[in-house]
PDB file of N, CA and C in Angstrom:
ATOM      1  N   UNK A   1       0.345   5.833 -37.810  1.00  0.00           N
ATOM      2  CA  UNK A   1       0.494   4.392 -37.822  1.00  0.00           C
ATOM      3  C   UNK A   1       0.916   3.951 -39.204  1.00  0.00           C
ATOM      4  N   UNK A   2       1.719   2.920 -39.258  1.00  0.00           N
ATOM      5  CA  UNK A   2       2.202   2.385 -40.532  1.00  0.00           C
ATOM      6  C   UNK A   2       1.041   1.807 -41.324  1.00  0.00           C
ATOM      7  N   UNK A   3       1.142   1.917 -42.613  1.00  0.00           N
ATOM      8  CA  UNK A   3       0.102   1.385 -43.496  1.00  0.00           C
ATOM      9  C   UNK A   3       0.613   0.126 -44.189  1.00  0.00           C
ATOM     10  N   UNK A   4      -0.297  -0.549 -44.836  1.00  0.00           N
ATOM     11  CA  UNK A   4       0.068  -1.711 -45.641  1.00  0.00           C
ATOM     12  C   UNK A   4       1.076  -1.308 -46.713  1.00  0.00           C
ATOM     13  N   UNK A   5       0.917  -0.125 -47.276  1.00  0.00           N
ATOM     14  CA  UNK A   5       1.857   0.361 -48.287  1.00  0.00           C
ATOM     15  C   UNK A   5       3.253   0.567 -47.711  1.00  0.00           C
ATOM     16  N   UNK A   6       3.340   1.033 -46.463  1.00  0.00           N
ATOM     17  CA  UNK A   6       4.642   1.190 -45.805  1.00  0.00           C
ATOM     18  C   UNK A   6       5.325  -0.162 -45.644  1.00  0.00           C
ATOM     19  N   UNK A   7       4.567  -1.141 -45.171  1.00  0.00           N
ATOM     20  CA  UNK A   7       5.116  -2.495 -44.984  1.00  0.00           C
ATOM     21  C   UNK A   7       5.563  -3.056 -46.325  1.00  0.00           C
ATOM     22  N   UNK A   8       4.736  -2.898 -47.349  1.00  0.00           N
ATOM     23  CA  UNK A   8       5.065  -3.378 -48.695  1.00  0.00           C
ATOM     24  C   UNK A   8       6.369  -2.755 -49.193  1.00  0.00           C
ATOM     25  N   UNK A   9       6.516  -1.454 -49.022  1.00  0.00           N
ATOM     26  CA  UNK A   9       7.724  -0.758 -49.499  1.00  0.00           C
ATOM     27  C   UNK A   9       8.976  -1.284 -48.802  1.00  0.00           C
ATOM     28  N   UNK A  10       8.885  -1.475 -47.490  1.00  0.00           N
ATOM     29  CA  UNK A  10      10.047  -1.979 -46.752  1.00  0.00           C
ATOM     30  C   UNK A  10      10.371  -3.411 -47.189  1.00  0.00           C
ATOM     31  N   UNK A  11       9.354  -4.264 -47.231  1.00  0.00           N
ATOM     32  CA  UNK A  11       9.581  -5.672 -47.592  1.00  0.00           C
ATOM     33  C   UNK A  11      10.148  -5.798 -49.000  1.00  0.00           C
ATOM     34  N   UNK A  12       9.561  -5.074 -49.947  1.00  0.00           N
ATOM     35  CA  UNK A  12      10.005  -5.195 -51.339  1.00  0.00           C
ATOM     36  C   UNK A  12      11.349  -4.519 -51.596  1.00  0.00           C
ATOM     37  N   UNK A  13      11.830  -3.733 -50.639  1.00  0.00           N
ATOM     38  CA  UNK A  13      13.155  -3.135 -50.799  1.00  0.00           C
ATOM     39  C   UNK A  13      14.267  -4.155 -50.518  1.00  0.00           C
ATOM     40  N   UNK A  14      13.910  -5.279 -49.923  1.00  0.00           N
ATOM     41  CA  UNK A  14      14.898  -6.328 -49.648  1.00  0.00           C
ATOM     42  C   UNK A  14      15.146  -7.149 -50.903  1.00  0.00           C
ATOM     43  N   UNK A  15      16.405  -7.474 -51.204  1.00  0.00           N
ATOM     44  CA  UNK A  15      16.736  -8.186 -52.446  1.00  0.00           C
ATOM     45  C   UNK A  15      15.988  -9.512 -52.585  1.00  0.00           C
ATOM     46  N   UNK A  16      15.425  -9.741 -53.758  1.00  0.00           N
ATOM     47  CA  UNK A  16      14.792 -11.013 -54.083  1.00  0.00           C
ATOM     48  C   UNK A  16      13.418 -11.225 -53.497  1.00  0.00           C
ATOM     49  N   UNK A  17      12.838 -10.196 -52.888  1.00  0.00           N
ATOM     50  CA  UNK A  17      11.533 -10.347 -52.248  1.00  0.00           C
ATOM     51  C   UNK A  17      10.414 -10.275 -53.272  1.00  0.00           C
ATOM     52  N   UNK A  18       9.449 -11.184 -53.113  1.00  0.00           N
ATOM     53  CA  UNK A  18       8.237 -11.161 -53.930  1.00  0.00           C
ATOM     54  C   UNK A  18       7.033 -11.033 -53.009  1.00  0.00           C
ATOM     55  N   UNK A  19       5.950 -10.498 -53.558  1.00  0.00           N
ATOM     56  CA  UNK A  19       4.709 -10.366 -52.807  1.00  0.00           C
ATOM     57  C   UNK A  19       3.684 -11.328 -53.379  1.00  0.00           C
ATOM     58  N   UNK A  20       3.023 -12.074 -52.505  1.00  0.00           N
ATOM     59  CA  UNK A  20       1.988 -13.021 -52.920  1.00  0.00           C
ATOM     60  C   UNK A  20       0.863 -12.998 -51.900  1.00  0.00           C
ATOM     61  N   UNK A  21      -0.350 -13.300 -52.340  1.00  0.00           N
ATOM     62  CA  UNK A  21      -1.447 -13.473 -51.398  1.00  0.00           C
ATOM     63  C   UNK A  21      -1.161 -14.715 -50.564  1.00  0.00           C
ATOM     64  N   UNK A  22      -1.364 -14.598 -49.258  1.00  0.00           N
ATOM     65  CA  UNK A  22      -1.056 -15.693 -48.353  1.00  0.00           C
ATOM     66  C   UNK A  22      -2.092 -15.648 -47.241  1.00  0.00           C
ATOM     67  N   UNK A  23      -2.919 -16.647 -47.157  1.00  0.00           N
ATOM     68  CA  UNK A  23      -4.044 -16.643 -46.218  1.00  0.00           C
ATOM     69  C   UNK A  23      -4.883 -15.378 -46.386  1.00  0.00           C
ATOM     70  N   UNK A  24      -5.124 -15.023 -47.622  1.00  0.00           N
ATOM     71  CA  UNK A  24      -5.963 -13.896 -48.019  1.00  0.00           C
ATOM     72  C   UNK A  24      -5.429 -12.533 -47.572  1.00  0.00           C
ATOM     73  N   UNK A  25      -4.138 -12.456 -47.274  1.00  0.00           N
ATOM     74  CA  UNK A  25      -3.496 -11.183 -46.955  1.00  0.00           C
ATOM     75  C   UNK A  25      -2.162 -11.129 -47.692  1.00  0.00           C
ATOM     76  N   UNK A  26      -1.580  -9.951 -47.871  1.00  0.00           N
ATOM     77  CA  UNK A  26      -0.283  -9.864 -48.525  1.00  0.00           C
ATOM     78  C   UNK A  26       0.807 -10.575 -47.712  1.00  0.00           C
ATOM     79  N   UNK A  27       1.604 -11.368 -48.417  1.00  0.00           N
ATOM     80  CA  UNK A  27       2.728 -12.050 -47.798  1.00  0.00           C
ATOM     81  C   UNK A  27       3.983 -11.797 -48.610  1.00  0.00           C
ATOM     82  N   UNK A  28       5.131 -11.941 -47.969  1.00  0.00           N
ATOM     83  CA  UNK A  28       6.405 -11.635 -48.621  1.00  0.00           C
ATOM     84  C   UNK A  28       7.344 -12.818 -48.480  1.00  0.00           C
ATOM     85  N   UNK A  29       7.985 -13.158 -49.605  1.00  0.00           N
ATOM     86  CA  UNK A  29       8.846 -14.337 -49.668  1.00  0.00           C
ATOM     87  C   UNK A  29      10.136 -14.021 -50.400  1.00  0.00           C
ATOM     88  N   UNK A  30      11.161 -14.800 -50.086  1.00  0.00           N
ATOM     89  CA  UNK A  30      12.414 -14.797 -50.834  1.00  0.00           C
ATOM     90  C   UNK A  30      12.667 -16.235 -51.240  1.00  0.00           C
ATOM     91  N   UNK A  31      12.866 -16.453 -52.534  1.00  0.00           N
ATOM     92  CA  UNK A  31      13.092 -17.799 -53.075  1.00  0.00           C
ATOM     93  C   UNK A  31      11.989 -18.763 -52.630  1.00  0.00           C
ATOM     94  N   UNK A  32      10.750 -18.274 -52.602  1.00  0.00           N
ATOM     95  CA  UNK A  32       9.609 -19.105 -52.253  1.00  0.00           C
ATOM     96  C   UNK A  32       9.404 -19.352 -50.768  1.00  0.00           C
ATOM     97  N   UNK A  33      10.271 -18.811 -49.926  1.00  0.00           N
ATOM     98  CA  UNK A  33      10.166 -19.019 -48.479  1.00  0.00           C
ATOM     99  C   UNK A  33       9.640 -17.753 -47.813  1.00  0.00           C
ATOM    100  N   UNK A  34       8.535 -17.885 -47.107  1.00  0.00           N
ATOM    101  CA  UNK A  34       7.904 -16.741 -46.472  1.00  0.00           C
ATOM    102  C   UNK A  34       8.686 -16.224 -45.278  1.00  0.00           C
ATOM    103  N   UNK A  35       8.672 -14.907 -45.126  1.00  0.00           N
ATOM    104  CA  UNK A  35       9.309 -14.302 -43.951  1.00  0.00           C
ATOM    105  C   UNK A  35       8.398 -13.297 -43.257  1.00  0.00           C
ATOM    106  N   UNK A  36       7.316 -12.887 -43.912  1.00  0.00           N
ATOM    107  CA  UNK A  36       6.449 -11.862 -43.338  1.00  0.00           C
ATOM    108  C   UNK A  36       5.094 -11.914 -44.024  1.00  0.00           C
ATOM    109  N   UNK A  37       4.043 -11.725 -43.237  1.00  0.00           N
ATOM    110  CA  UNK A  37       2.724 -11.527 -43.833  1.00  0.00           C
ATOM    111  C   UNK A  37       1.894 -10.639 -42.940  1.00  0.00           C
ATOM    112  N   UNK A  38       1.034  -9.864 -43.573  1.00  0.00           N
ATOM    113  CA  UNK A  38       0.111  -9.028 -42.816  1.00  0.00           C
ATOM    114  C   UNK A  38      -1.005  -9.904 -42.282  1.00  0.00           C
ATOM    115  N   UNK A  39      -1.458  -9.597 -41.082  1.00  0.00           N
ATOM    116  CA  UNK A  39      -2.629 -10.270 -40.541  1.00  0.00           C
ATOM    117  C   UNK A  39      -3.859  -9.583 -41.107  1.00  0.00           C
ATOM    118  N   UNK A  40      -5.020 -10.180 -40.935  1.00  0.00           N
ATOM    119  CA  UNK A  40      -6.234  -9.557 -41.432  1.00  0.00           C
ATOM    120  C   UNK A  40      -6.481  -8.252 -40.708  1.00  0.00           C
ATOM    121  N   UNK A  41      -7.310  -7.431 -41.280  1.00  0.00           N
ATOM    122  CA  UNK A  41      -7.603  -6.133 -40.673  1.00  0.00           C
ATOM    123  C   UNK A  41      -8.164  -6.302 -39.264  1.00  0.00           C
ATOM    124  N   UNK A  42      -8.991  -7.308 -39.060  1.00  0.00           N
ATOM    125  CA  UNK A  42      -9.574  -7.543 -37.734  1.00  0.00           C
ATOM    126  C   UNK A  42      -8.510  -7.938 -36.717  1.00  0.00           C
ATOM    127  N   UNK A  43      -7.507  -8.702 -37.161  1.00  0.00           N
ATOM    128  CA  UNK A  43      -6.444  -9.153 -36.259  1.00  0.00           C
ATOM    129  C   UNK A  43      -5.406  -8.051 -36.049  1.00  0.00           C
ATOM    130  N   UNK A  44      -5.030  -7.408 -37.128  1.00  0.00           N
ATOM    131  CA  UNK A  44      -4.011  -6.363 -37.085  1.00  0.00           C
ATOM    132  C   UNK A  44      -2.612  -6.913 -36.906  1.00  0.00           C
ATOM    133  N   UNK A  45      -1.632  -6.103 -37.256  1.00  0.00           N
ATOM    134  CA  UNK A  45      -0.238  -6.453 -37.052  1.00  0.00           C
ATOM    135  C   UNK A  45       0.355  -7.312 -38.147  1.00  0.00           C
ATOM    136  N   UNK A  46       1.501  -7.882 -37.816  1.00  0.00           N
ATOM    137  CA  UNK A  46       2.277  -8.663 -38.772  1.00  0.00           C
ATOM    138  C   UNK A  46       2.620 -10.026 -38.200  1.00  0.00           C
ATOM    139  N   UNK A  47       2.702 -11.003 -39.082  1.00  0.00           N
ATOM    140  CA  UNK A  47       3.208 -12.334 -38.753  1.00  0.00           C
ATOM    141  C   UNK A  47       4.641 -12.373 -39.275  1.00  0.00           C
ATOM    142  N   UNK A  48       5.603 -12.615 -38.396  1.00  0.00           N
ATOM    143  CA  UNK A  48       7.012 -12.625 -38.768  1.00  0.00           C
ATOM    144  C   UNK A  48       7.560 -14.030 -38.540  1.00  0.00           C
ATOM    145  N   UNK A  49       8.107 -14.624 -39.579  1.00  0.00           N
ATOM    146  CA  UNK A  49       8.636 -15.982 -39.504  1.00  0.00           C
ATOM    147  C   UNK A  49      10.099 -15.936 -39.070  1.00  0.00           C
ATOM    148  N   UNK A  50      10.401 -16.652 -37.990  1.00  0.00           N
ATOM    149  CA  UNK A  50      11.725 -16.655 -37.385  1.00  0.00           C
ATOM    150  C   UNK A  50      12.083 -18.096 -37.017  1.00  0.00           C
ATOM    151  N   UNK A  51      13.284 -18.311 -36.540  1.00  0.00           N
ATOM    152  CA  UNK A  51      13.649 -19.639 -36.041  1.00  0.00           C
ATOM    153  C   UNK A  51      13.056 -19.819 -34.640  1.00  0.00           C
ATOM    154  N   UNK A  52      13.006 -21.057 -34.170  1.00  0.00           N
ATOM    155  CA  UNK A  52      12.509 -21.307 -32.815  1.00  0.00           C
ATOM    156  C   UNK A  52      13.337 -20.552 -31.780  1.00  0.00           C
ATOM    157  N   UNK A  53      14.641 -20.528 -31.988  1.00  0.00           N
ATOM    158  CA  UNK A  53      15.543 -19.842 -31.063  1.00  0.00           C
ATOM    159  C   UNK A  53      15.270 -18.337 -31.059  1.00  0.00           C
ATOM    160  N   UNK A  54      15.086 -17.765 -32.253  1.00  0.00           N
ATOM    161  CA  UNK A  54      14.784 -16.336 -32.352  1.00  0.00           C
ATOM    162  C   UNK A  54      13.433 -16.018 -31.706  1.00  0.00           C
ATOM    163  N   UNK A  55      12.470 -16.917 -31.887  1.00  0.00           N
ATOM    164  CA  UNK A  55      11.146 -16.696 -31.300  1.00  0.00           C
ATOM    165  C   UNK A  55      11.253 -16.542 -29.791  1.00  0.00           C
ATOM    166  N   UNK A  56      11.930 -17.470 -29.169  1.00  0.00           N
ATOM    167  CA  UNK A  56      12.085 -17.428 -27.718  1.00  0.00           C
ATOM    168  C   UNK A  56      12.795 -16.145 -27.279  1.00  0.00           C
ATOM    169  N   UNK A  57      13.850 -15.784 -27.997  1.00  0.00           N
ATOM    170  CA  UNK A  57      14.610 -14.583 -27.649  1.00  0.00           C
ATOM    171  C   UNK A  57      13.765 -13.320 -27.811  1.00  0.00           C
ATOM    172  N   UNK A  58      13.008 -13.223 -28.879  1.00  0.00           N
ATOM    173  CA  UNK A  58      12.181 -12.037 -29.115  1.00  0.00           C
ATOM    174  C   UNK A  58      11.060 -11.931 -28.088  1.00  0.00           C
ATOM    175  N   UNK A  59      10.411 -13.050 -27.787  1.00  0.00           N
ATOM    176  CA  UNK A  59       9.296 -13.027 -26.838  1.00  0.00           C
ATOM    177  C   UNK A  59       9.743 -12.699 -25.420  1.00  0.00           C
ATOM    178  N   UNK A  60      10.909 -13.208 -25.032  1.00  0.00           N
ATOM    179  CA  UNK A  60      11.380 -12.928 -23.676  1.00  0.00           C
ATOM    180  C   UNK A  60      12.144 -11.601 -23.600  1.00  0.00           C
ATOM    181  N   UNK A  61      12.831 -11.242 -24.668  1.00  0.00           N
ATOM    182  CA  UNK A  61      13.650 -10.039 -24.664  1.00  0.00           C
ATOM    183  C   UNK A  61      12.885  -8.752 -24.868  1.00  0.00           C
ATOM    184  N   UNK A  62      11.751  -8.815 -25.552  1.00  0.00           N
ATOM    185  CA  UNK A  62      10.986  -7.603 -25.820  1.00  0.00           C
ATOM    186  C   UNK A  62       9.493  -7.934 -25.916  1.00  0.00           C
ATOM    187  N   UNK A  63       8.883  -8.319 -24.794  1.00  0.00           N
ATOM    188  CA  UNK A  63       7.478  -8.721 -24.822  1.00  0.00           C
ATOM    189  C   UNK A  63       6.496  -7.587 -25.144  1.00  0.00           C
ATOM    190  N   UNK A  64       6.945  -6.346 -25.064  1.00  0.00           N
ATOM    191  CA  UNK A  64       6.075  -5.237 -25.453  1.00  0.00           C
ATOM    192  C   UNK A  64       5.973  -5.115 -26.973  1.00  0.00           C
ATOM    193  N   UNK A  65       6.984  -5.597 -27.676  1.00  0.00           N
ATOM    194  CA  UNK A  65       7.009  -5.481 -29.134  1.00  0.00           C
ATOM    195  C   UNK A  65       6.579  -6.764 -29.832  1.00  0.00           C
ATOM    196  N   UNK A  66       6.903  -7.911 -29.236  1.00  0.00           N
ATOM    197  CA  UNK A  66       6.617  -9.190 -29.882  1.00  0.00           C
ATOM    198  C   UNK A  66       5.725 -10.035 -28.993  1.00  0.00           C
ATOM    199  N   UNK A  67       4.768 -10.705 -29.612  1.00  0.00           N
ATOM    200  CA  UNK A  67       3.838 -11.538 -28.864  1.00  0.00           C
ATOM    201  C   UNK A  67       3.423 -12.718 -29.732  1.00  0.00           C
ATOM    202  N   UNK A  68       2.624 -13.586 -29.172  1.00  0.00           N
ATOM    203  CA  UNK A  68       2.103 -14.725 -29.911  1.00  0.00           C
ATOM    204  C   UNK A  68       0.688 -15.001 -29.425  1.00  0.00           C
ATOM    205  N   UNK A  69       0.029 -15.926 -30.068  1.00  0.00           N
ATOM    206  CA  UNK A  69      -1.294 -16.384 -29.659  1.00  0.00           C
ATOM    207  C   UNK A  69      -1.262 -17.906 -29.658  1.00  0.00           C
ATOM    208  N   UNK A  70      -2.217 -18.552 -29.002  1.00  0.00           N
ATOM    209  CA  UNK A  70      -2.226 -20.017 -28.999  1.00  0.00           C
ATOM    210  C   UNK A  70      -2.219 -20.629 -30.405  1.00  0.00           C
ATOM    211  N   UNK A  71      -2.793 -19.930 -31.368  1.00  0.00           N
ATOM    212  CA  UNK A  71      -2.804 -20.422 -32.747  1.00  0.00           C
ATOM    213  C   UNK A  71      -1.390 -20.692 -33.275  1.00  0.00           C
ATOM    214  N   UNK A  72      -0.420 -19.898 -32.837  1.00  0.00           N
ATOM    215  CA  UNK A  72       0.949 -20.019 -33.338  1.00  0.00           C
ATOM    216  C   UNK A  72       1.865 -20.823 -32.422  1.00  0.00           C
ATOM    217  N   UNK A  73       1.322 -21.403 -31.346  1.00  0.00           N
ATOM    218  CA  UNK A  73       2.137 -22.266 -30.489  1.00  0.00           C
ATOM    219  C   UNK A  73       2.699 -23.420 -31.315  1.00  0.00           C
ATOM    220  N   UNK A  74       3.989 -23.669 -31.142  1.00  0.00           N
ATOM    221  CA  UNK A  74       4.635 -24.748 -31.874  1.00  0.00           C
ATOM    222  C   UNK A  74       5.129 -24.365 -33.258  1.00  0.00           C
ATOM    223  N   UNK A  75       4.913 -23.125 -33.660  1.00  0.00           N
ATOM    224  CA  UNK A  75       5.369 -22.649 -34.962  1.00  0.00           C
ATOM    225  C   UNK A  75       6.422 -21.554 -34.760  1.00  0.00           C
ATOM    226  N   UNK A  76       7.408 -21.476 -35.647  1.00  0.00           N
ATOM    227  CA  UNK A  76       8.453 -20.448 -35.524  1.00  0.00           C
ATOM    228  C   UNK A  76       7.969 -19.097 -36.047  1.00  0.00           C
ATOM    229  N   UNK A  77       7.039 -18.502 -35.308  1.00  0.00           N
ATOM    230  CA  UNK A  77       6.370 -17.266 -35.712  1.00  0.00           C
ATOM    231  C   UNK A  77       6.227 -16.359 -34.501  1.00  0.00           C
ATOM    232  N   UNK A  78       6.454 -15.070 -34.697  1.00  0.00           N
ATOM    233  CA  UNK A  78       6.091 -14.064 -33.702  1.00  0.00           C
ATOM    234  C   UNK A  78       5.162 -13.060 -34.369  1.00  0.00           C
ATOM    235  N   UNK A  79       4.421 -12.371 -33.557  1.00  0.00           N
ATOM    236  CA  UNK A  79       3.534 -11.323 -34.029  1.00  0.00           C
ATOM    237  C   UNK A  79       4.047  -9.992 -33.519  1.00  0.00           C
ATOM    238  N   UNK A  80       3.817  -8.948 -34.285  1.00  0.00           N
ATOM    239  CA  UNK A  80       4.185  -7.599 -33.865  1.00  0.00           C
ATOM    240  C   UNK A  80       3.216  -6.626 -34.512  1.00  0.00           C
ATOM    241  N   UNK A  81       3.270  -5.391 -34.076  1.00  0.00           N
ATOM    242  CA  UNK A  81       2.392  -4.356 -34.628  1.00  0.00           C
ATOM    243  C   UNK A  81       3.151  -3.542 -35.669  1.00  0.00           C
ATOM    244  N   UNK A  82       2.486  -3.141 -36.716  1.00  0.00           N
ATOM    245  CA  UNK A  82       3.132  -2.395 -37.800  1.00  0.00           C
ATOM    246  C   UNK A  82       3.760  -1.102 -37.304  1.00  0.00           C
ATOM    247  N   UNK A  83       3.172  -0.449 -36.336  1.00  0.00           N
ATOM    248  CA  UNK A  83       3.725   0.809 -35.839  1.00  0.00           C
ATOM    249  C   UNK A  83       5.109   0.604 -35.254  1.00  0.00           C
ATOM    250  N   UNK A  84       5.342  -0.524 -34.610  1.00  0.00           N
ATOM    251  CA  UNK A  84       6.656  -0.797 -34.025  1.00  0.00           C
ATOM    252  C   UNK A  84       7.703  -1.014 -35.104  1.00  0.00           C
ATOM    253  N   UNK A  85       7.332  -1.646 -36.190  1.00  0.00           N
ATOM    254  CA  UNK A  85       8.259  -1.860 -37.302  1.00  0.00           C
ATOM    255  C   UNK A  85       8.671  -0.510 -37.888  1.00  0.00           C
ATOM    256  N   UNK A  86       7.696   0.365 -38.091  1.00  0.00           N
ATOM    257  CA  UNK A  86       7.995   1.662 -38.687  1.00  0.00           C
ATOM    258  C   UNK A  86       8.867   2.508 -37.759  1.00  0.00           C
ATOM    259  N   UNK A  87       8.619   2.441 -36.462  1.00  0.00           N
ATOM    260  CA  UNK A  87       9.432   3.203 -35.511  1.00  0.00           C
ATOM    261  C   UNK A  87      10.865   2.677 -35.528  1.00  0.00           C
ATOM    262  N   UNK A  88      11.042   1.371 -35.637  1.00  0.00           N
ATOM    263  CA  UNK A  88      12.361   0.766 -35.666  1.00  0.00           C
ATOM    264  C   UNK A  88      13.117   1.190 -36.922  1.00  0.00           C
ATOM    265  N   UNK A  89      12.424   1.238 -38.055  1.00  0.00           N
ATOM    266  CA  UNK A  89      13.071   1.602 -39.316  1.00  0.00           C
ATOM    267  C   UNK A  89      13.431   3.088 -39.348  1.00  0.00           C
ATOM    268  N   UNK A  90      12.701   3.894 -38.618  1.00  0.00           N
ATOM    269  CA  UNK A  90      12.947   5.335 -38.614  1.00  0.00           C
ATOM    270  C   UNK A  90      14.168   5.705 -37.778  1.00  0.00           C
ATOM    271  N   UNK A  91      14.524   4.841 -36.830  1.00  0.00           N
ATOM    272  CA  UNK A  91      15.645   5.193 -35.942  1.00  0.00           C
ATOM    273  C   UNK A  91      16.968   4.687 -36.462  1.00  0.00           C
TER     274      UNK A  91
END
């Protein structure tokens, strides 16, 4: 399974990315705008910031990989598991 260090390495390899604490977990931003944050250990997975259009497409196009919870209803956010991100990057 992917680790926090794996996620950090991938995120920080993107140009202009910075790491900051965000809701008490590591978050990643470009030019001050967040695009990814780890969920707490109890929650697991990643919070990925997308457009509303992308959210709908990801949730309907690949519901095994992307999901949401009522907490994120109305926000341009999808959730995914770190293992899926690592498998995608490996292929």
